[in-house]
């Protein structure tokens, strides 16, 4: 997969993306085209996750954040939700040792309190095992929503105000940012969405304020290293202004 002390590759220095986030869309449609149940697509999608993680680690990306299960996904049919939970447990059991061996730090972001105790236990063990690793940081967004993320940050600040540790007029963008998930990581540079849809779907609302967006019609189970490289190349060719103007005032 990759060496534990791998240096940044030429590709990494060329594309300049430190933190990439992916909305992995299209598993269900992929399965339908195969004439199979949606869960078959989710299992195929798990293989694409493995490819994407390996590619990111081998190409100098510091953080990769994957949208695995949104807070709205609970509204899907119970059978599909149950299958997704089992797939999550399976992935943690089967992949974590390999991630650890390759110096990848795993983190689960989202409201994990709604998961059953078995899954919560797997999450805690996986995060603890990989917590000291210094390579790629792999963030899995599970029962995550961008609005939930902001609300839980606001609640933390409100508690500090209530306890007399903070004045309301002291709250600014930087202070709230410190309460948002992944605040210690590099900002998200690039958001990739597979499957042909052109929307954010309540993903990392705060964190992607100035990220570049890349949409592809490729369904997630078919998303491979060439597709990932294509997204990075597109990112490298964009001019990021962060709200400013281009040289010459254009």
Protein backbone atom coordinates (compact mmCIF):
# COMPACT_ATOMS: atom_id res chain seq x y z
CA UNK A 1 0.00 0.00 0.00
CA UNK A 2 2.58 2.60 1.09
CA UNK A 3 5.66 2.95 3.24
CA UNK A 4 5.27 4.25 6.78
CA UNK A 5 7.70 7.13 6.31
CA UNK A 6 6.84 8.02 2.74
CA UNK A 7 7.89 11.48 1.62
CA UNK A 8 5.69 13.83 -0.42
CA UNK A 9 5.71 12.76 -4.05
CA UNK A 10 6.18 14.95 -7.11
CA UNK A 11 2.44 14.60 -7.73
CA UNK A 12 1.69 16.04 -4.30
CA UNK A 13 3.90 19.08 -4.77
CA UNK A 14 2.32 19.62 -8.17
CA UNK A 15 -1.34 19.44 -7.18
CA UNK A 16 -0.97 21.32 -3.89
CA UNK A 17 -4.03 19.76 -2.20
CA UNK A 18 -3.35 19.04 1.47
CA UNK A 19 -6.89 18.05 2.50
CA UNK A 20 -9.35 16.34 0.14
CA UNK A 21 -12.96 15.50 1.00
CA UNK A 22 -15.11 13.10 -1.02
CA UNK A 23 -18.88 12.67 -1.20
CA UNK A 24 -19.05 9.02 -2.24
CA UNK A 25 -22.25 8.90 -4.30
CA UNK A 26 -23.65 6.33 -6.71
CA UNK A 27 -23.42 2.98 -4.90
CA UNK A 28 -27.14 2.30 -5.21
CA UNK A 29 -27.34 3.20 -8.90
CA UNK A 30 -24.24 1.12 -9.59
CA UNK A 31 -25.89 -1.90 -7.98
CA UNK A 32 -29.14 -1.30 -9.88
CA UNK A 33 -27.25 -1.37 -13.17
CA UNK A 34 -25.88 -4.75 -12.11
CA UNK A 35 -29.42 -5.94 -11.32
CA UNK A 36 -28.54 -6.34 -7.64
CA UNK A 37 -29.60 -4.93 -4.27
CA UNK A 38 -28.23 -1.58 -3.07
CA UNK A 39 -26.10 -3.21 -0.36
CA UNK A 40 -24.09 -4.89 -3.14
CA UNK A 41 -23.16 -1.41 -4.33
CA UNK A 42 -22.08 -0.38 -0.84
CA UNK A 43 -19.77 -3.40 -0.64
CA UNK A 44 -18.29 -2.50 -4.02
CA UNK A 45 -17.91 1.06 -2.77
CA UNK A 46 -15.81 -0.20 0.15
CA UNK A 47 -13.20 -1.37 -2.38
CA UNK A 48 -13.11 2.13 -3.84
CA UNK A 49 -12.49 3.49 -0.34
CA UNK A 50 -9.43 1.25 -0.07
CA UNK A 51 -8.16 2.52 -3.45
CA UNK A 52 -8.75 6.16 -2.54
CA UNK A 53 -7.00 5.86 0.82
CA UNK A 54 -4.00 4.18 -0.76
CA UNK A 55 -3.82 6.80 -3.53
CA UNK A 56 -4.09 9.70 -1.06
CA UNK A 57 -1.38 8.29 1.18
CA UNK A 58 0.92 7.62 -1.76
CA UNK A 59 0.48 11.10 -3.22
CA UNK A 60 1.28 13.36 -0.32
CA UNK A 61 -2.26 14.26 0.75
CA UNK A 62 -2.25 15.04 4.48
CA UNK A 63 -5.94 14.41 5.20
CA UNK A 64 -8.72 12.56 3.40
CA UNK A 65 -12.31 12.96 4.62
CA UNK A 66 -14.97 10.56 3.32
CA UNK A 67 -18.73 11.08 3.68
CA UNK A 68 -19.81 7.58 4.65
CA UNK A 69 -23.17 8.09 6.39
CA UNK A 70 -25.03 11.36 6.75
CA UNK A 71 -27.43 12.24 9.54
CA UNK A 72 -30.18 12.10 6.88
CA UNK A 73 -29.32 8.53 5.85
CA UNK A 74 -31.30 7.15 8.79
CA UNK A 75 -34.37 7.88 6.63
CA UNK A 76 -33.38 5.13 4.21
CA UNK A 77 -35.10 1.71 4.39
CA UNK A 78 -34.31 -0.10 7.66
CA UNK A 79 -32.79 -3.05 5.83
CA UNK A 80 -30.31 -0.82 4.01
CA UNK A 81 -29.38 1.09 7.19
CA UNK A 82 -28.80 -2.19 9.02
CA UNK A 83 -26.63 -3.48 6.17
CA UNK A 84 -24.61 -0.24 6.19
CA UNK A 85 -24.00 -0.57 9.93
CA UNK A 86 -22.79 -4.16 9.50
CA UNK A 87 -20.56 -3.06 6.64
CA UNK A 88 -19.11 -0.35 8.88
CA UNK A 89 -18.30 -2.91 11.60
CA UNK A 90 -16.77 -5.23 9.02
CA UNK A 91 -14.64 -2.45 7.56
CA UNK A 92 -13.34 -1.45 10.98
CA UNK A 93 -12.47 -5.04 11.82
CA UNK A 94 -10.84 -5.85 8.50
CA UNK A 95 -9.05 -2.61 7.60
CA UNK A 96 -7.83 -0.97 10.81
CA UNK A 97 -4.77 -3.16 11.30
CA UNK A 98 -3.70 -2.46 7.73
CA UNK A 99 -4.22 1.29 8.22
CA UNK A 100 -2.17 1.15 11.41
CA UNK A 101 0.58 -0.80 9.71
CA UNK A 102 0.81 1.91 7.06
CA UNK A 103 0.93 4.80 9.54
CA UNK A 104 -2.61 6.08 8.79
CA UNK A 105 -4.50 7.81 11.61
CA UNK A 106 -8.22 7.01 11.60
CA UNK A 107 -10.83 9.35 13.02
CA UNK A 108 -14.62 9.12 12.95
CA UNK A 109 -16.38 12.49 12.87
CA UNK A 110 -20.08 12.83 13.58
CA UNK A 111 -22.58 12.01 16.30
CA UNK A 112 -21.58 8.42 17.07
CA UNK A 113 -23.90 8.24 20.09
CA UNK A 114 -26.71 6.93 17.90
CA UNK A 115 -24.71 3.85 16.87
CA UNK A 116 -25.11 0.61 18.81
CA UNK A 117 -22.60 -0.22 21.54
CA UNK A 118 -20.80 -2.79 19.40
CA UNK A 119 -20.05 -0.26 16.67
CA UNK A 120 -19.11 2.44 19.19
CA UNK A 121 -16.65 0.04 20.79
CA UNK A 122 -15.08 -0.76 17.39
CA UNK A 123 -14.75 2.96 16.64
CA UNK A 124 -13.07 3.71 19.98
CA UNK A 125 -10.59 0.85 19.57
CA UNK A 126 -9.74 1.80 15.99
CA UNK A 127 -9.14 5.44 16.87
CA UNK A 128 -7.02 4.50 19.89
CA UNK A 129 -4.91 2.04 17.90
CA UNK A 130 -4.03 4.58 15.20
CA UNK A 131 -3.98 7.77 17.30
CA UNK A 132 -0.20 8.18 17.31
CA UNK A 133 0.30 7.56 13.58
CA UNK A 134 1.88 10.40 11.64
CA UNK A 135 0.97 9.65 8.02
CA UNK A 136 -2.35 10.31 6.30
CA UNK A 137 -5.24 11.32 8.55
CA UNK A 138 -8.34 9.46 7.36
CA UNK A 139 -11.59 11.03 8.58
CA UNK A 140 -14.76 9.00 8.15
CA UNK A 141 -17.88 11.16 8.47
CA UNK A 142 -20.51 8.88 10.00
CA UNK A 143 -23.90 10.12 11.22
CA UNK A 144 -22.46 13.49 10.29
CA UNK A 145 -24.20 16.65 9.13
CA UNK A 146 -22.69 20.07 8.52
CA UNK A 147 -25.49 21.80 10.41
CA UNK A 148 -25.09 19.41 13.36
CA UNK A 149 -21.37 20.22 13.38
CA UNK A 150 -21.99 23.97 13.65
CA UNK A 151 -24.75 23.55 16.24
CA UNK A 152 -22.59 21.40 18.52
CA UNK A 153 -19.85 24.03 18.25
CA UNK A 154 -22.29 26.81 19.19
CA UNK A 155 -23.51 24.75 22.15
CA UNK A 156 -19.97 24.36 23.49
CA UNK A 157 -19.47 28.12 23.34
CA UNK A 158 -22.88 28.74 24.96
CA UNK A 159 -21.90 26.45 27.83
CA UNK A 160 -18.72 28.47 28.35
CA UNK A 161 -20.76 31.69 28.40
CA UNK A 162 -23.17 30.14 30.90
CA UNK A 163 -20.26 29.13 33.14
CA UNK A 164 -18.85 32.65 33.03
CA UNK A 165 -15.72 31.59 31.14
CA UNK A 166 -16.59 33.57 28.03
CA UNK A 167 -18.42 36.77 27.12
CA UNK A 168 -20.79 36.72 24.12
CA UNK A 169 -18.90 39.61 22.52
CA UNK A 170 -15.71 37.50 22.58
CA UNK A 171 -17.20 34.95 20.19
CA UNK A 172 -15.78 35.36 16.72
CA UNK A 173 -15.13 33.22 13.65
CA UNK A 174 -11.84 31.88 15.02
CA UNK A 175 -13.37 30.88 18.35
CA UNK A 176 -16.25 29.02 16.70
CA UNK A 177 -13.86 27.42 14.22
CA UNK A 178 -12.00 25.84 17.14
CA UNK A 179 -15.19 23.98 18.11
CA UNK A 180 -15.85 22.53 14.65
CA UNK A 181 -14.78 19.01 13.63
CA UNK A 182 -11.25 18.69 12.20
CA UNK A 183 -10.26 22.18 13.39
CA UNK A 184 -6.68 21.00 13.99
CA UNK A 185 -6.21 19.84 10.39
CA UNK A 186 -5.39 21.77 7.24
CA UNK A 187 -8.51 23.39 5.71
CA UNK A 188 -10.31 21.38 3.05
CA UNK A 189 -8.82 22.31 -0.34
CA UNK A 190 -10.87 20.12 -2.66
CA UNK A 191 -14.31 18.48 -2.46
CA UNK A 192 -14.97 15.68 -4.94
CA UNK A 193 -18.50 14.38 -5.52
CA UNK A 194 -19.02 11.27 -7.60
CA UNK A 195 -22.26 10.08 -9.16
CA UNK A 196 -23.22 13.12 -11.22
CA UNK A 197 -25.09 15.16 -8.59
CA UNK A 198 -24.07 18.81 -8.10
CA UNK A 199 -24.79 19.57 -4.46
CA UNK A 200 -23.07 19.50 -1.06
CA UNK A 201 -25.74 17.52 0.86
CA UNK A 202 -25.01 19.06 4.27
CA UNK A 203 -21.35 18.00 4.17
CA UNK A 204 -18.67 20.06 5.97
CA UNK A 205 -20.55 23.33 5.51
CA UNK A 206 -18.13 25.34 7.65
CA UNK A 207 -14.93 23.62 6.51
CA UNK A 208 -15.43 23.98 2.75
CA UNK A 209 -16.19 27.70 2.64
CA UNK A 210 -13.29 28.27 0.25
CA UNK A 211 -12.73 24.75 -1.06
CA UNK A 212 -12.75 24.00 -4.78
CA UNK A 213 -15.61 21.74 -5.90
CA UNK A 214 -15.16 18.94 -8.43
CA UNK A 215 -18.10 16.93 -9.76
CA UNK A 216 -17.83 13.77 -11.81
CA UNK A 217 -20.43 11.45 -13.35
CA UNK A 218 -18.37 8.40 -12.35
CA UNK A 219 -20.26 6.28 -9.81
CA UNK A 220 -18.34 5.71 -6.60
CA UNK A 221 -17.63 1.96 -7.06
CA UNK A 222 -15.99 2.82 -10.41
CA UNK A 223 -13.93 5.73 -9.04
CA UNK A 224 -10.29 4.70 -9.39
CA UNK A 225 -6.78 6.14 -9.19
CA UNK A 226 -7.04 7.75 -12.64
CA UNK A 227 -10.26 9.52 -11.63
CA UNK A 228 -8.67 10.75 -8.40
CA UNK A 229 -5.64 12.00 -10.30
CA UNK A 230 -7.92 13.77 -12.77
CA UNK A 231 -9.62 15.62 -9.91
CA UNK A 232 -6.25 16.67 -8.48
CA UNK A 233 -5.06 17.86 -11.87
CA UNK A 234 -8.22 19.93 -12.28
CA UNK A 235 -7.63 21.42 -8.83
CA UNK A 236 -4.02 22.28 -9.68
CA UNK A 237 -5.21 24.27 -12.71
CA UNK A 238 -7.65 26.43 -10.78
CA UNK A 239 -6.82 29.86 -9.42
CA UNK A 240 -7.84 30.13 -5.77
CA UNK A 241 -8.68 33.69 -4.70
CA UNK A 242 -10.20 33.16 -1.21
CA UNK A 243 -12.59 36.06 -1.79
CA UNK A 244 -9.96 38.35 -3.31
CA UNK A 245 -9.26 39.28 -6.89
CA UNK A 246 -6.85 37.90 -9.42
CA UNK A 247 -3.58 39.71 -10.14
CA UNK A 248 -4.44 42.77 -12.22
CA UNK A 249 -7.83 43.16 -10.49
CA UNK A 250 -9.85 40.83 -12.73
